[in-house]
Amino acid sequence: MEEITATYTQLFQNYPDVVSTLQLCEMLGVSERTVYRLLVTNQIKHFKVGRAYRIPKVNVFAFMESEWLTNLPEFTADDTI
């Protein structure tokens, strides 16, 4: 798990500790509509300053780790590597 966090830290080192929705779009490679859906459904923890969403980078890491863990392929005893 620490390897994943270290990878994300290096990957997003040019972003500030708290990002905007547009920066989050760039980080995740998704549309603005998708980012707002993730925020409104609280899949990514955030806070608001006035009407603007602000997302701590650590919450982006947490979201990406949870998505990575939930999307791991399942192997059975019959699977070969």
N, C-alpha and C. Protein backbone atom coordinates (compact mmCIF):
# COMPACT_ATOMS: atom_id res chain seq x y z
N MET A 1 0.82 -1.19 0.00
CA MET A 1 0.00 0.00 0.00
C MET A 1 0.87 1.26 0.00
N GLU A 2 1.97 1.22 0.73
CA GLU A 2 2.86 2.38 0.78
C GLU A 2 3.49 2.65 -0.57
N GLU A 3 3.73 1.58 -1.34
CA GLU A 3 4.29 1.75 -2.69
C GLU A 3 3.33 2.53 -3.58
N ILE A 4 2.05 2.24 -3.44
CA ILE A 4 1.04 2.93 -4.24
C ILE A 4 1.04 4.41 -3.90
N THR A 5 1.02 4.73 -2.61
CA THR A 5 1.02 6.12 -2.17
C THR A 5 2.27 6.84 -2.66
N ALA A 6 3.42 6.18 -2.59
CA ALA A 6 4.67 6.79 -3.06
C ALA A 6 4.59 7.07 -4.56
N THR A 7 4.00 6.15 -5.30
CA THR A 7 3.85 6.34 -6.75
C THR A 7 2.96 7.54 -7.04
N TYR A 8 1.81 7.64 -6.35
CA TYR A 8 0.92 8.78 -6.56
C TYR A 8 1.59 10.09 -6.17
N THR A 9 2.36 10.05 -5.10
CA THR A 9 3.06 11.26 -4.65
C THR A 9 4.01 11.75 -5.73
N GLN A 10 4.75 10.85 -6.34
CA GLN A 10 5.66 11.23 -7.42
C GLN A 10 4.90 11.68 -8.66
N LEU A 11 3.84 10.97 -8.96
CA LEU A 11 3.04 11.27 -10.15
C LEU A 11 2.42 12.66 -10.09
N PHE A 12 1.98 13.06 -8.90
CA PHE A 12 1.27 14.34 -8.75
C PHE A 12 2.08 15.38 -8.00
N GLN A 13 3.41 15.29 -8.06
CA GLN A 13 4.24 16.21 -7.29
C GLN A 13 4.12 17.66 -7.76
N ASN A 14 3.70 17.89 -8.99
CA ASN A 14 3.57 19.26 -9.51
C ASN A 14 2.24 19.91 -9.16
N TYR A 15 1.37 19.20 -8.47
CA TYR A 15 0.09 19.75 -8.06
C TYR A 15 0.17 20.24 -6.62
N PRO A 16 -0.60 21.28 -6.27
CA PRO A 16 -0.58 21.75 -4.88
C PRO A 16 -1.24 20.73 -3.95
N ASP A 17 -1.10 20.94 -2.64
CA ASP A 17 -1.67 20.01 -1.65
C ASP A 17 -3.19 20.00 -1.67
N VAL A 18 -3.79 21.09 -2.10
CA VAL A 18 -5.25 21.18 -2.26
C VAL A 18 -5.52 21.60 -3.69
N VAL A 19 -6.29 20.78 -4.41
CA VAL A 19 -6.49 21.03 -5.84
C VAL A 19 -7.92 21.50 -6.13
N SER A 20 -8.07 22.11 -7.31
CA SER A 20 -9.37 22.54 -7.80
C SER A 20 -10.01 21.42 -8.61
N THR A 21 -11.23 21.64 -9.03
CA THR A 21 -11.90 20.63 -9.84
C THR A 21 -11.20 20.44 -11.19
N LEU A 22 -10.72 21.52 -11.78
CA LEU A 22 -10.03 21.40 -13.06
C LEU A 22 -8.72 20.62 -12.91
N GLN A 23 -8.01 20.87 -11.83
CA GLN A 23 -6.78 20.11 -11.58
C GLN A 23 -7.10 18.63 -11.34
N LEU A 24 -8.20 18.37 -10.64
CA LEU A 24 -8.61 17.00 -10.40
C LEU A 24 -8.95 16.29 -11.71
N CYS A 25 -9.57 17.01 -12.65
CA CYS A 25 -9.85 16.46 -13.98
C CYS A 25 -8.55 16.00 -14.63
N GLU A 26 -7.53 16.84 -14.56
CA GLU A 26 -6.23 16.50 -15.15
C GLU A 26 -5.62 15.29 -14.46
N MET A 27 -5.69 15.28 -13.14
CA MET A 27 -5.06 14.20 -12.36
C MET A 27 -5.69 12.85 -12.68
N LEU A 28 -7.02 12.82 -12.78
CA LEU A 28 -7.73 11.57 -13.00
C LEU A 28 -7.94 11.25 -14.47
N GLY A 29 -7.77 12.24 -15.33
CA GLY A 29 -7.99 12.03 -16.75
C GLY A 29 -9.45 11.82 -17.09
N VAL A 30 -10.32 12.55 -16.39
CA VAL A 30 -11.77 12.43 -16.61
C VAL A 30 -12.36 13.81 -16.89
N SER A 31 -13.63 13.82 -17.27
CA SER A 31 -14.31 15.07 -17.58
C SER A 31 -14.71 15.81 -16.31
N GLU A 32 -15.05 17.07 -16.49
CA GLU A 32 -15.51 17.88 -15.36
C GLU A 32 -16.81 17.31 -14.79
N ARG A 33 -17.65 16.82 -15.66
CA ARG A 33 -18.91 16.23 -15.22
C ARG A 33 -18.66 15.02 -14.30
N THR A 34 -17.70 14.19 -14.66
CA THR A 34 -17.36 13.03 -13.84
C THR A 34 -16.80 13.47 -12.49
N VAL A 35 -15.96 14.49 -12.50
CA VAL A 35 -15.40 15.00 -11.24
C VAL A 35 -16.52 15.48 -10.32
N TYR A 36 -17.45 16.26 -10.85
CA TYR A 36 -18.55 16.76 -10.02
C TYR A 36 -19.40 15.61 -9.49
N ARG A 37 -19.60 14.57 -10.30
CA ARG A 37 -20.36 13.41 -9.83
C ARG A 37 -19.63 12.74 -8.66
N LEU A 38 -18.32 12.58 -8.78
CA LEU A 38 -17.54 11.98 -7.71
C LEU A 38 -17.60 12.82 -6.42
N LEU A 39 -17.63 14.14 -6.58
CA LEU A 39 -17.68 15.01 -5.41
C LEU A 39 -19.07 15.02 -4.78
N VAL A 40 -20.09 15.15 -5.60
CA VAL A 40 -21.47 15.22 -5.08
C VAL A 40 -21.86 13.92 -4.38
N THR A 41 -21.37 12.80 -4.86
CA THR A 41 -21.68 11.51 -4.24
C THR A 41 -20.70 11.16 -3.12
N ASN A 42 -19.82 12.10 -2.80
CA ASN A 42 -18.82 11.94 -1.72
C ASN A 42 -17.90 10.74 -1.91
N GLN A 43 -17.64 10.38 -3.14
CA GLN A 43 -16.66 9.33 -3.39
C GLN A 43 -15.24 9.85 -3.17
N ILE A 44 -15.08 11.16 -3.33
CA ILE A 44 -13.82 11.82 -3.01
C ILE A 44 -14.15 12.88 -1.96
N LYS A 45 -13.49 12.79 -0.82
CA LYS A 45 -13.73 13.76 0.25
C LYS A 45 -13.18 15.12 -0.17
N HIS A 46 -13.92 16.16 0.19
CA HIS A 46 -13.60 17.50 -0.25
C HIS A 46 -14.18 18.52 0.72
N PHE A 47 -13.93 19.78 0.46
CA PHE A 47 -14.60 20.86 1.18
C PHE A 47 -14.89 21.97 0.18
N LYS A 48 -15.71 22.91 0.60
CA LYS A 48 -16.06 24.01 -0.30
C LYS A 48 -15.60 25.33 0.30
N VAL A 49 -15.14 26.19 -0.58
CA VAL A 49 -14.82 27.56 -0.23
C VAL A 49 -15.76 28.41 -1.06
N GLY A 50 -16.79 28.93 -0.41
CA GLY A 50 -17.85 29.59 -1.16
C GLY A 50 -18.56 28.54 -2.00
N ARG A 51 -18.57 28.74 -3.30
CA ARG A 51 -19.20 27.76 -4.21
C ARG A 51 -18.19 26.82 -4.85
N ALA A 52 -16.91 27.05 -4.58
CA ALA A 52 -15.85 26.27 -5.23
C ALA A 52 -15.48 25.05 -4.39
N TYR A 53 -15.32 23.92 -5.07
CA TYR A 53 -14.87 22.70 -4.42
C TYR A 53 -13.35 22.74 -4.32
N ARG A 54 -12.83 22.28 -3.19
CA ARG A 54 -11.40 22.12 -2.99
C ARG A 54 -11.16 20.70 -2.48
N ILE A 55 -10.17 20.04 -3.06
CA ILE A 55 -9.93 18.64 -2.77
C ILE A 55 -8.49 18.45 -2.29
N PRO A 56 -8.30 18.06 -1.02
CA PRO A 56 -6.94 17.75 -0.57
C PRO A 56 -6.36 16.60 -1.38
N LYS A 57 -5.11 16.74 -1.76
CA LYS A 57 -4.46 15.73 -2.60
C LYS A 57 -4.45 14.36 -1.92
N VAL A 58 -4.34 14.33 -0.60
CA VAL A 58 -4.35 13.03 0.09
C VAL A 58 -5.68 12.31 -0.11
N ASN A 59 -6.77 13.07 -0.28
CA ASN A 59 -8.07 12.45 -0.53
C ASN A 59 -8.14 11.88 -1.95
N VAL A 60 -7.42 12.50 -2.88
CA VAL A 60 -7.34 11.96 -4.23
C VAL A 60 -6.59 10.62 -4.18
N PHE A 61 -5.48 10.59 -3.41
CA PHE A 61 -4.73 9.34 -3.25
C PHE A 61 -5.61 8.25 -2.66
N ALA A 62 -6.36 8.61 -1.61
CA ALA A 62 -7.23 7.63 -0.95
C ALA A 62 -8.27 7.08 -1.92
N PHE A 63 -8.85 7.95 -2.73
CA PHE A 63 -9.83 7.51 -3.72
C PHE A 63 -9.19 6.57 -4.73
N MET A 64 -8.02 6.94 -5.23
CA MET A 64 -7.36 6.11 -6.24
C MET A 64 -6.96 4.76 -5.66
N GLU A 65 -6.49 4.73 -4.42
CA GLU A 65 -6.15 3.46 -3.79
C GLU A 65 -7.39 2.59 -3.62
N SER A 66 -8.50 3.19 -3.19
CA SER A 66 -9.72 2.40 -3.00
C SER A 66 -10.23 1.86 -4.32
N GLU A 67 -10.13 2.65 -5.39
CA GLU A 67 -10.56 2.20 -6.71
C GLU A 67 -9.64 1.09 -7.21
N TRP A 68 -8.35 1.25 -6.97
CA TRP A 68 -7.40 0.24 -7.40
C TRP A 68 -7.67 -1.09 -6.69
N LEU A 69 -7.92 -1.03 -5.39
CA LEU A 69 -8.16 -2.25 -4.62
C LEU A 69 -9.48 -2.91 -5.01
N THR A 70 -10.50 -2.14 -5.30
CA THR A 70 -11.79 -2.73 -5.64
C THR A 70 -11.83 -3.26 -7.07
N ASN A 71 -10.89 -2.84 -7.90
CA ASN A 71 -10.89 -3.28 -9.29
C ASN A 71 -9.82 -4.32 -9.59
N LEU A 72 -9.24 -4.91 -8.55
CA LEU A 72 -8.27 -5.97 -8.76
C LEU A 72 -8.96 -7.19 -9.35
N PRO A 73 -8.32 -7.86 -10.29
CA PRO A 73 -8.93 -9.08 -10.83
C PRO A 73 -8.93 -10.18 -9.78
N GLU A 74 -9.97 -10.97 -9.82
CA GLU A 74 -10.05 -12.10 -8.89
C GLU A 74 -9.49 -13.34 -9.58
N PHE A 75 -8.66 -14.07 -8.85
CA PHE A 75 -8.07 -15.29 -9.38
C PHE A 75 -8.65 -16.49 -8.66
N THR A 76 -8.79 -17.55 -9.40
CA THR A 76 -9.23 -18.81 -8.81
C THR A 76 -8.08 -19.79 -8.85
N ALA A 77 -8.28 -20.94 -8.24
CA ALA A 77 -7.23 -21.96 -8.21
C ALA A 77 -6.92 -22.47 -9.62
N ASP A 78 -7.85 -22.34 -10.56
CA ASP A 78 -7.64 -22.82 -11.93
C ASP A 78 -6.81 -21.84 -12.78
N ASP A 79 -6.68 -20.59 -12.31
CA ASP A 79 -5.93 -19.59 -13.08
C ASP A 79 -4.43 -19.86 -12.99
N THR A 80 -3.76 -19.67 -14.11
CA THR A 80 -2.30 -19.79 -14.11
C THR A 80 -1.71 -18.43 -14.40
N ILE A 81 -0.55 -18.21 -13.90
CA ILE A 81 0.11 -16.92 -14.08
C ILE A 81 1.16 -17.04 -15.15
